C-alpha atoms as a PDB file:
ATOM      1  CA  MET A   1      -0.168 -26.987  16.461  1.00  0.00           C
ATOM      2  CA  GLU A   2       0.771 -30.625  15.842  1.00  0.00           C
ATOM      3  CA  LEU A   3       4.197 -31.547  17.231  1.00  0.00           C
ATOM      4  CA  TRP A   4       5.671 -32.605  13.889  1.00  0.00           C
ATOM      5  CA  LYS A   5       4.676 -29.289  12.316  1.00  0.00           C
ATOM      6  CA  GLU A   6       6.265 -27.326  15.137  1.00  0.00           C
ATOM      7  CA  ARG A   7       9.436 -29.384  14.812  1.00  0.00           C
ATOM      8  CA  GLN A   8       9.664 -28.785  11.079  1.00  0.00           C
ATOM      9  CA  ILE A   9       9.077 -25.050  11.476  1.00  0.00           C
ATOM     10  CA  GLN A  10      12.026 -24.980  13.885  1.00  0.00           C
ATOM     11  CA  GLN A  11      14.172 -26.934  11.435  1.00  0.00           C
ATOM     12  CA  VAL A  12      13.353 -24.517   8.625  1.00  0.00           C
ATOM     13  CA  THR A  13      14.092 -21.569  10.911  1.00  0.00           C
ATOM     14  CA  PHE A  14      17.516 -22.969  11.800  1.00  0.00           C
ATOM     15  CA  SER A  15      18.387 -23.653   8.152  1.00  0.00           C
ATOM     16  CA  THR A  16      20.993 -21.232   6.836  1.00  0.00           C
ATOM     17  CA  ARG A  17      20.688 -22.242   3.186  1.00  0.00           C
ATOM     18  CA  ILE A  18      17.682 -22.877   0.976  1.00  0.00           C
ATOM     19  CA  GLU A  19      19.259 -26.116  -0.227  1.00  0.00           C
ATOM     20  CA  THR A  20      19.170 -27.498   3.324  1.00  0.00           C
ATOM     21  CA  ALA A  21      15.663 -26.175   3.962  1.00  0.00           C
ATOM     22  CA  TYR A  22      14.216 -27.828   0.854  1.00  0.00           C
ATOM     23  CA  PRO A  23      14.253 -31.480   2.092  1.00  0.00           C
ATOM     24  CA  ILE A  24      12.357 -30.346   5.183  1.00  0.00           C
ATOM     25  CA  LEU A  25       9.757 -28.641   2.996  1.00  0.00           C
ATOM     26  CA  LEU A  26       9.442 -31.728   0.809  1.00  0.00           C
ATOM     27  CA  THR A  27       8.777 -33.878   3.876  1.00  0.00           C
ATOM     28  CA  PHE A  28       6.180 -31.391   5.079  1.00  0.00           C
ATOM     29  CA  ALA A  29       4.515 -31.381   1.654  1.00  0.00           C
ATOM     30  CA  LYS A  30       4.218 -35.175   1.673  1.00  0.00           C
ATOM     31  CA  ASN A  31       2.923 -35.173   5.253  1.00  0.00           C
ATOM     32  CA  ILE A  32       0.001 -32.939   4.258  1.00  0.00           C
ATOM     33  CA  GLY A  33      -0.818 -34.909   1.118  1.00  0.00           C
ATOM     34  CA  PHE A  34       1.236 -33.329  -1.681  1.00  0.00           C
ATOM     35  CA  LYS A  35       3.610 -35.258  -3.927  1.00  0.00           C
ATOM     36  CA  PHE A  36       5.438 -32.283  -5.414  1.00  0.00           C
ATOM     37  CA  CYS A  37       7.140 -29.257  -3.859  1.00  0.00           C
ATOM     38  CA  GLY A  38       8.834 -26.422  -5.704  1.00  0.00           C
ATOM     39  CA  ILE A  39      10.787 -23.335  -4.659  1.00  0.00           C
ATOM     40  CA  SER A  40      11.677 -20.476  -6.970  1.00  0.00           C
ATOM     41  CA  VAL A  41      13.062 -17.000  -6.442  1.00  0.00           C
ATOM     42  CA  THR A  42      12.431 -14.233  -8.940  1.00  0.00           C
ATOM     43  CA  SER A  43      13.056 -10.520  -8.857  1.00  0.00           C
ATOM     44  CA  THR A  44      10.406  -7.827  -8.909  1.00  0.00           C
ATOM     45  CA  ASP A  45      12.727  -4.873  -9.519  1.00  0.00           C
ATOM     46  CA  ARG A  46      16.068  -6.190 -10.716  1.00  0.00           C
ATOM     47  CA  GLU A  47      16.826  -6.689 -14.401  1.00  0.00           C
ATOM     48  CA  ALA A  48      18.630  -9.939 -13.633  1.00  0.00           C
ATOM     49  CA  LEU A  49      19.629 -11.879 -10.560  1.00  0.00           C
ATOM     50  CA  PRO A  50      23.326 -12.711 -10.126  1.00  0.00           C
ATOM     51  CA  LYS A  51      22.190 -16.333  -9.929  1.00  0.00           C
ATOM     52  CA  ALA A  52      18.865 -18.031 -10.465  1.00  0.00           C
ATOM     53  CA  LEU A  53      17.146 -20.324  -7.995  1.00  0.00           C
ATOM     54  CA  ASN A  54      14.674 -23.053  -8.860  1.00  0.00           C
ATOM     55  CA  ILE A  55      14.465 -26.230  -6.768  1.00  0.00           C
ATOM     56  CA  ASN A  56      11.709 -28.819  -7.148  1.00  0.00           C
ATOM     57  CA  ASN A  57      10.945 -32.517  -7.485  1.00  0.00           C
ATOM     58  CA  TYR A  58       8.667 -32.056 -10.495  1.00  0.00           C
ATOM     59  CA  PRO A  59       8.940 -34.634 -13.312  1.00  0.00           C
ATOM     60  CA  GLU A  60      12.134 -34.121 -15.313  1.00  0.00           C
ATOM     61  CA  MET A  61      10.117 -33.891 -18.530  1.00  0.00           C
ATOM     62  CA  TRP A  62       8.066 -31.024 -17.077  1.00  0.00           C
ATOM     63  CA  ASN A  63      11.125 -29.007 -16.070  1.00  0.00           C
ATOM     64  CA  LYS A  64      12.609 -29.524 -19.535  1.00  0.00           C
ATOM     65  CA  GLN A  65       9.351 -28.492 -21.232  1.00  0.00           C
ATOM     66  CA  TYR A  66       8.994 -25.443 -18.996  1.00  0.00           C
ATOM     67  CA  GLU A  67      12.481 -24.202 -19.813  1.00  0.00           C
ATOM     68  CA  GLU A  68      12.468 -24.982 -23.539  1.00  0.00           C
ATOM     69  CA  ASN A  69       9.107 -23.270 -24.072  1.00  0.00           C
ATOM     70  CA  SER A  70       9.935 -20.312 -21.807  1.00  0.00           C
ATOM     71  CA  TYR A  71       6.691 -20.910 -19.930  1.00  0.00           C
ATOM     72  CA  CYS A  72       7.847 -18.545 -17.169  1.00  0.00           C
ATOM     73  CA  LYS A  73       6.960 -15.621 -19.467  1.00  0.00           C
ATOM     74  CA  VAL A  74       3.300 -16.646 -19.685  1.00  0.00           C
ATOM     75  CA  ASP A  75       2.819 -18.546 -16.424  1.00  0.00           C
ATOM     76  CA  PRO A  76      -0.192 -16.969 -14.628  1.00  0.00           C
ATOM     77  CA  ILE A  77       1.115 -18.299 -11.298  1.00  0.00           C
ATOM     78  CA  ILE A  78       4.292 -16.232 -11.589  1.00  0.00           C
ATOM     79  CA  ALA A  79       2.309 -13.222 -12.833  1.00  0.00           C
ATOM     80  CA  HIS A  80       0.054 -13.420  -9.769  1.00  0.00           C
ATOM     81  CA  CYS A  81       2.849 -14.049  -7.270  1.00  0.00           C
ATOM     82  CA  ASN A  82       4.928 -11.144  -8.583  1.00  0.00           C
ATOM     83  CA  HIS A  83       2.123  -8.751  -7.643  1.00  0.00           C
ATOM     84  CA  SER A  84       0.325 -10.374  -4.725  1.00  0.00           C
ATOM     85  CA  MET A  85       1.113 -12.308  -1.555  1.00  0.00           C
ATOM     86  CA  LEU A  86      -2.311 -13.953  -1.456  1.00  0.00           C
ATOM     87  CA  PRO A  87      -2.249 -17.754  -1.976  1.00  0.00           C
ATOM     88  CA  ILE A  88      -3.457 -18.927  -5.373  1.00  0.00           C
ATOM     89  CA  SER A  89      -4.916 -22.282  -6.420  1.00  0.00           C
ATOM     90  CA  TRP A  90      -4.113 -23.731  -9.819  1.00  0.00           C
ATOM     91  CA  SER A  91      -7.205 -24.118 -11.978  1.00  0.00           C
ATOM     92  CA  LYS A  92      -8.308 -24.389 -15.579  1.00  0.00           C
ATOM     93  CA  GLU A  93      -9.866 -20.916 -15.306  1.00  0.00           C
ATOM     94  CA  LEU A  94      -6.563 -19.433 -14.119  1.00  0.00           C
ATOM     95  CA  PHE A  95      -4.799 -20.871 -17.171  1.00  0.00           C
ATOM     96  CA  SER A  96      -7.584 -19.900 -19.607  1.00  0.00           C
ATOM     97  CA  ASN A  97      -5.192 -17.707 -21.614  1.00  0.00           C
ATOM     98  CA  THR A  98      -2.512 -20.402 -21.664  1.00  0.00           C
ATOM     99  CA  PRO A  99      -4.378 -23.685 -22.293  1.00  0.00           C
ATOM    100  CA  THR A 100      -1.221 -25.389 -23.607  1.00  0.00           C
ATOM    101  CA  LEU A 101       0.488 -24.807 -20.274  1.00  0.00           C
ATOM    102  CA  TRP A 102      -2.533 -26.161 -18.374  1.00  0.00           C
ATOM    103  CA  GLU A 103      -2.644 -29.290 -20.536  1.00  0.00           C
ATOM    104  CA  ALA A 104       1.071 -29.853 -19.977  1.00  0.00           C
ATOM    105  CA  LEU A 105       0.546 -29.648 -16.204  1.00  0.00           C
ATOM    106  CA  GLN A 106      -2.174 -32.288 -16.378  1.00  0.00           C
ATOM    107  CA  GLU A 107      -0.039 -34.613 -18.479  1.00  0.00           C
ATOM    108  CA  GLN A 108       2.795 -34.468 -15.936  1.00  0.00           C
ATOM    109  CA  GLY A 109       0.626 -35.237 -12.895  1.00  0.00           C
ATOM    110  CA  LEU A 110       0.545 -31.671 -11.625  1.00  0.00           C
ATOM    111  CA  GLN A 111      -3.237 -31.396 -11.750  1.00  0.00           C
ATOM    112  CA  TYR A 112      -3.911 -29.863  -8.341  1.00  0.00           C
ATOM    113  CA  GLY A 113      -1.624 -27.279  -6.817  1.00  0.00           C
ATOM    114  CA  TRP A 114      -1.325 -23.972  -5.031  1.00  0.00           C
ATOM    115  CA  SER A 115       1.370 -21.349  -4.619  1.00  0.00           C
ATOM    116  CA  GLN A 116       2.321 -18.808  -1.986  1.00  0.00           C
ATOM    117  CA  SER A 117       4.691 -15.891  -2.488  1.00  0.00           C
ATOM    118  CA  PHE A 118       6.532 -13.430  -0.306  1.00  0.00           C
ATOM    119  CA  HIS A 119       7.978 -10.093  -1.418  1.00  0.00           C
ATOM    120  CA  HIS A 120      11.240  -9.218   0.289  1.00  0.00           C
ATOM    121  CA  GLU A 121      11.124  -5.433   0.121  1.00  0.00           C
ATOM    122  CA  GLU A 122      14.766  -4.731   0.933  1.00  0.00           C
ATOM    123  CA  SER A 123      16.204  -6.949  -1.810  1.00  0.00           C
ATOM    124  CA  GLY A 124      13.358  -6.785  -4.325  1.00  0.00           C
ATOM    125  CA  LEU A 125      13.067 -10.583  -4.321  1.00  0.00           C
ATOM    126  CA  CYS A 126       9.904 -12.621  -4.714  1.00  0.00           C
ATOM    127  CA  SER A 127      10.088 -16.161  -3.335  1.00  0.00           C
ATOM    128  CA  ILE A 128       7.422 -18.650  -4.419  1.00  0.00           C
ATOM    129  CA  LEU A 129       6.607 -21.954  -2.726  1.00  0.00           C
ATOM    130  CA  SER A 130       4.348 -24.336  -4.660  1.00  0.00           C
ATOM    131  CA  LEU A 131       2.754 -27.647  -3.678  1.00  0.00           C
ATOM    132  CA  ALA A 132       1.059 -30.008  -6.151  1.00  0.00           C
ATOM    133  CA  ARG A 133      -0.406 -33.498  -6.464  1.00  0.00           C
ATOM    134  CA  PRO A 134      -1.983 -35.663  -9.196  1.00  0.00           C
ATOM    135  CA  HIS A 135      -5.286 -36.241  -7.412  1.00  0.00           C
ATOM    136  CA  CYS A 136      -7.849 -34.656  -5.055  1.00  0.00           C
ATOM    137  CA  PRO A 137      -8.842 -30.981  -5.490  1.00  0.00           C
ATOM    138  CA  ILE A 138      -7.612 -28.538  -2.834  1.00  0.00           C
ATOM    139  CA  SER A 139     -10.342 -27.303  -0.514  1.00  0.00           C
ATOM    140  CA  ALA A 140     -10.656 -23.832   0.995  1.00  0.00           C
ATOM    141  CA  ILE A 141     -10.297 -25.379   4.473  1.00  0.00           C
ATOM    142  CA  GLU A 142      -7.036 -27.006   3.425  1.00  0.00           C
ATOM    143  CA  LEU A 143      -5.675 -23.682   2.169  1.00  0.00           C
ATOM    144  CA  TYR A 144      -6.689 -21.975   5.392  1.00  0.00           C
ATOM    145  CA  GLU A 145      -5.147 -24.682   7.554  1.00  0.00           C
ATOM    146  CA  HIS A 146      -1.696 -24.489   5.947  1.00  0.00           C
ATOM    147  CA  PHE A 147      -1.547 -20.824   4.881  1.00  0.00           C
ATOM    148  CA  GLY A 148       0.378 -19.652   7.959  1.00  0.00           C
ATOM    149  CA  TYR A 149       3.104 -22.249   7.529  1.00  0.00           C
ATOM    150  CA  MET A 150       3.432 -21.537   3.797  1.00  0.00           C
ATOM    151  CA  PHE A 151       3.623 -17.777   4.336  1.00  0.00           C
ATOM    152  CA  TYR A 152       6.260 -18.124   7.040  1.00  0.00           C
ATOM    153  CA  VAL A 153       8.365 -20.460   4.907  1.00  0.00           C
ATOM    154  CA  THR A 154       8.290 -18.234   1.817  1.00  0.00           C
ATOM    155  CA  SER A 155       9.344 -15.224   3.900  1.00  0.00           C
ATOM    156  CA  HIS A 156      12.207 -17.212   5.411  1.00  0.00           C
ATOM    157  CA  LEU A 157      13.334 -18.446   1.973  1.00  0.00           C
ATOM    158  CA  ALA A 158      13.439 -14.896   0.630  1.00  0.00           C
ATOM    159  CA  GLU A 159      15.516 -13.838   3.630  1.00  0.00           C
ATOM    160  CA  LEU A 160      17.958 -16.727   3.133  1.00  0.00           C
ATOM    161  CA  PHE A 161      18.398 -16.000  -0.565  1.00  0.00           C
ATOM    162  CA  ALA A 162      18.751 -12.258   0.005  1.00  0.00           C
ATOM    163  CA  HIS A 163      21.740 -12.936   2.270  1.00  0.00           C
ATOM    164  CA  THR A 164      23.559 -14.580  -0.656  1.00  0.00           C
ATOM    165  CA  LEU A 165      23.278 -11.488  -2.864  1.00  0.00           C
ATOM    166  CA  PRO A 166      25.649  -8.509  -2.984  1.00  0.00           C
ATOM    167  CA  ARG A 167      24.427  -5.608  -0.893  1.00  0.00           C
ATOM    168  CA  ARG A 168      22.455  -3.065  -2.847  1.00  0.00           C
ATOM    169  CA  PRO A 169      23.790   0.490  -2.624  1.00  0.00           C
ATOM    170  CA  ALA A 170      21.796   2.543  -0.157  1.00  0.00           C
ATOM    171  CA  LYS A 171      19.549   5.123  -1.741  1.00  0.00           C
ATOM    172  CA  ALA A 172      20.774   8.643  -1.199  1.00  0.00           C
ATOM    173  CA  ARG A 173      18.498  10.477   1.196  1.00  0.00           C
ATOM    174  CA  ALA A 174      17.039  13.775   0.114  1.00  0.00           C
ATOM    175  CA  PRO A 175      18.591  16.638   2.117  1.00  0.00           C
ATOM    176  CA  ARG A 176      16.359  18.114   4.796  1.00  0.00           C
ATOM    177  CA  LEU A 177      15.244  21.663   4.134  1.00  0.00           C
ATOM    178  CA  SER A 178      13.666  23.882   6.750  1.00  0.00           C
ATOM    179  CA  THR A 179      10.043  24.980   6.411  1.00  0.00           C
ATOM    180  CA  ARG A 180      11.163  28.487   5.490  1.00  0.00           C
ATOM    181  CA  GLU A 181      13.632  27.200   2.890  1.00  0.00           C
ATOM    182  CA  VAL A 182      10.866  25.170   1.260  1.00  0.00           C
ATOM    183  CA  GLU A 183       8.577  28.224   1.215  1.00  0.00           C
ATOM    184  CA  VAL A 184      11.269  30.309  -0.438  1.00  0.00           C
ATOM    185  CA  LEU A 185      12.043  27.586  -2.955  1.00  0.00           C
ATOM    186  CA  LYS A 186       8.386  27.158  -3.902  1.00  0.00           C
ATOM    187  CA  LEU A 187       8.100  30.873  -4.598  1.00  0.00           C
ATOM    188  CA  CYS A 188      11.295  30.736  -6.645  1.00  0.00           C
ATOM    189  CA  ALA A 189       9.802  27.858  -8.614  1.00  0.00           C
ATOM    190  CA  SER A 190       6.716  29.962  -9.353  1.00  0.00           C
ATOM    191  CA  GLY A 191       8.943  32.659 -10.859  1.00  0.00           C
ATOM    192  CA  LYS A 192       8.993  35.111  -7.955  1.00  0.00           C
ATOM    193  CA  THR A 193      12.040  37.354  -7.553  1.00  0.00           C
ATOM    194  CA  ALA A 194      13.889  37.729  -4.256  1.00  0.00           C
ATOM    195  CA  TYR A 195      12.155  41.092  -3.775  1.00  0.00           C
ATOM    196  CA  GLU A 196       8.676  39.619  -4.397  1.00  0.00           C
ATOM    197  CA  THR A 197       9.416  36.616  -2.172  1.00  0.00           C
ATOM    198  CA  ALA A 198      10.545  38.935   0.612  1.00  0.00           C
ATOM    199  CA  ARG A 199       7.312  40.927   0.382  1.00  0.00           C
ATOM    200  CA  ILE A 200       5.142  37.782   0.423  1.00  0.00           C
ATOM    201  CA  LEU A 201       6.917  36.190   3.399  1.00  0.00           C
ATOM    202  CA  SER A 202       7.476  39.470   5.284  1.00  0.00           C
ATOM    203  CA  LEU A 203      11.256  38.999   5.168  1.00  0.00           C
ATOM    204  CA  SER A 204      14.124  41.147   4.034  1.00  0.00           C
ATOM    205  CA  GLU A 205      15.516  40.519   0.561  1.00  0.00           C
ATOM    206  CA  ARG A 206      18.862  39.700   2.175  1.00  0.00           C
ATOM    207  CA  THR A 207      17.232  36.953   4.295  1.00  0.00           C
ATOM    208  CA  VAL A 208      15.577  35.462   1.208  1.00  0.00           C
ATOM    209  CA  ASN A 209      18.933  35.317  -0.590  1.00  0.00           C
ATOM    210  CA  TYR A 210      20.462  33.724   2.505  1.00  0.00           C
ATOM    211  CA  HIS A 211      17.844  30.938   2.400  1.00  0.00           C
ATOM    212  CA  VAL A 212      18.402  30.452  -1.328  1.00  0.00           C
ATOM    213  CA  GLN A 213      22.154  30.051  -0.806  1.00  0.00           C
ATOM    214  CA  ASN A 214      21.554  27.520   1.973  1.00  0.00           C
ATOM    215  CA  VAL A 215      19.300  25.485  -0.317  1.00  0.00           C
ATOM    216  CA  ILE A 216      21.906  25.571  -3.105  1.00  0.00           C
ATOM    217  CA  LEU A 217      24.528  24.231  -0.698  1.00  0.00           C
ATOM    218  CA  LYS A 218      22.257  21.541   0.730  1.00  0.00           C
ATOM    219  CA  LEU A 219      21.219  20.308  -2.711  1.00  0.00           C
ATOM    220  CA  ASN A 220      24.788  20.503  -4.001  1.00  0.00           C
ATOM    221  CA  VAL A 221      23.861  22.522  -7.093  1.00  0.00           C
ATOM    222  CA  CYS A 222      25.288  25.683  -8.661  1.00  0.00           C
ATOM    223  CA  ASN A 223      22.363  28.091  -8.879  1.00  0.00           C
ATOM    224  CA  LYS A 224      18.733  28.786  -7.967  1.00  0.00           C
ATOM    225  CA  ILE A 225      17.257  27.208 -11.107  1.00  0.00           C
ATOM    226  CA  SER A 226      19.219  24.000 -10.537  1.00  0.00           C
ATOM    227  CA  ALA A 227      18.036  24.015  -6.909  1.00  0.00           C
ATOM    228  CA  VAL A 228      14.391  24.169  -8.034  1.00  0.00           C
ATOM    229  CA  ILE A 229      14.934  21.284 -10.479  1.00  0.00           C
ATOM    230  CA  ALA A 230      16.740  19.131  -7.890  1.00  0.00           C
ATOM    231  CA  ALA A 231      14.108  19.789  -5.222  1.00  0.00           C
ATOM    232  CA  THR A 232      11.320  18.883  -7.645  1.00  0.00           C
ATOM    233  CA  LYS A 233      12.991  15.593  -8.605  1.00  0.00           C
ATOM    234  CA  ALA A 234      13.520  14.754  -4.937  1.00  0.00           C
ATOM    235  CA  GLY A 235       9.854  15.435  -4.194  1.00  0.00           C
ATOM    236  CA  ILE A 236      10.670  18.270  -1.802  1.00  0.00           C
ATOM    237  CA  ILE A 237       8.462  20.757  -3.627  1.00  0.00           C
END
């Protein structure tokens, strides 16, 4: 790895805020032949972020156009990045369903670009790093050469932004039922009585009822039917 690249990776790593990491990324972008650099953070499973993030040095007219026309709703780059962490090159074919957006990119000097995303599973965030320039198509070798750096940076950006968000409540864990309790519950779900369950499992009816009561307590419900419903919803049976 070239020394300047290693140095900039270290600087990005030591950055504690995206705002301080961005100038480093912009310098890197220019060093590898790109005029424009953009960072955005979206959410893959939240209805709305407490605060939005979008930092770039794109032409002011482009940012205004993008916002006024709500291009984010039809942008194929965002659509791709929300579902895949593979890098994507901007092309006329990619924007075939949104030719107006493609034409606007060309007019603003954003002819050649590519984007890389990272999905931060814990927070549900999707960070996207984009590089663009007004000339010279992007080759496959160029993508390959810089992919590792781009992927690392987008993962780090997602981590930095996630730290600024309120903690999400931990998902309640499904209670652990014993193998025998699950067997009993499955038979209850199929409509078997305690007597029939006892015969099938070679247990006493009293033991079957004991297991049923344990399940009711563990699932925090009031009766056997509610226990079957709760266990089904939790994926236990």
